[in-house]
Protein backbone atom coordinates (compact mmCIF):
# COMPACT_ATOMS: atom_id res chain seq x y z
CA MET A 1 80.54 158.18 61.93
CA ARG A 2 80.74 154.36 61.10
CA HIS A 3 79.69 154.97 57.30
CA LEU A 4 81.92 157.86 57.02
CA ALA A 5 84.95 155.66 58.34
CA LEU A 6 83.89 152.66 55.93
CA ALA A 7 83.54 155.11 52.90
CA ALA A 8 87.03 156.76 53.61
CA ALA A 9 88.37 153.12 53.74
CA ALA A 10 86.99 151.99 50.45
CA LEU A 11 88.04 155.10 48.83
CA LEU A 12 91.58 154.59 50.29
CA ALA A 13 91.52 150.96 48.76
CA LEU A 14 90.33 152.12 45.24
CA THR A 15 92.91 154.87 44.78
CA ALA A 16 95.84 152.97 46.09
CA GLY A 17 96.81 151.73 42.83
CA ALA A 18 96.81 154.89 41.22
CA ARG A 19 100.27 156.33 40.36
CA ALA A 20 101.78 158.90 37.97
CA ALA A 21 102.97 158.03 34.44
CA ASP A 22 106.66 157.40 34.20
CA GLN A 23 106.83 158.60 30.68
CA ILE A 24 104.09 159.94 28.20
CA LYS A 25 104.00 158.64 24.87
CA ILE A 26 102.83 160.47 22.06
CA GLY A 27 101.77 159.56 18.59
CA LEU A 28 101.99 162.15 15.99
CA VAL A 29 100.42 161.28 12.67
CA ASN A 30 101.26 163.18 9.76
CA PRO A 31 101.94 162.54 6.05
CA LEU A 32 105.76 162.06 5.41
CA SER A 33 105.13 161.13 1.77
CA GLY A 34 103.11 162.21 -1.20
CA PRO A 35 102.07 165.32 -2.42
CA VAL A 36 101.34 167.15 0.99
CA SER A 37 104.68 165.56 2.56
CA PRO A 38 106.17 169.08 3.04
CA ALA A 39 103.41 170.22 5.26
CA GLY A 40 103.85 166.94 7.19
CA GLN A 41 107.72 167.13 7.48
CA GLU A 42 107.40 170.85 8.59
CA LEU A 43 104.70 169.66 11.23
CA LYS A 44 107.35 167.07 12.72
CA ARG A 45 110.20 169.56 12.60
CA GLY A 46 107.96 172.04 14.56
CA PHE A 47 106.88 169.30 17.00
CA ASP A 48 110.23 168.20 17.77
CA LEU A 49 111.51 171.65 18.26
CA ALA A 50 108.84 172.38 20.57
CA MET A 51 110.02 169.26 22.41
CA ASP A 52 113.51 170.22 22.27
CA GLU A 53 112.50 173.49 23.86
CA LEU A 54 110.63 171.90 26.70
CA GLY A 55 113.46 169.28 27.55
CA ASN A 56 111.28 166.60 26.12
CA LYS A 57 109.10 166.72 29.06
CA LEU A 58 105.37 167.58 29.29
CA GLY A 59 104.06 168.86 32.35
CA GLY A 60 107.32 167.87 34.12
CA VAL A 61 106.93 164.19 32.95
CA PRO A 62 109.59 162.78 30.39
CA ALA A 63 107.63 162.24 26.88
CA LYS A 64 108.69 160.26 23.97
CA VAL A 65 107.07 160.99 20.23
CA PHE A 66 106.49 158.45 17.89
CA SER A 67 105.85 159.31 14.33
């Protein structure tokens, strides 16, 4: 019983610092210049459209996209 209490206290101490993210940061890497730029620009537009549809949130957490 004593070992169980000690294990529970240790687990609580280790997880006390964990918290949810305030904001998710997403890096979008795509070609925006050169011969394949039309595909990269369409990818960025599509991702921006999807983020607008989701209210700029992923899993209920605000998200910021860097490209």
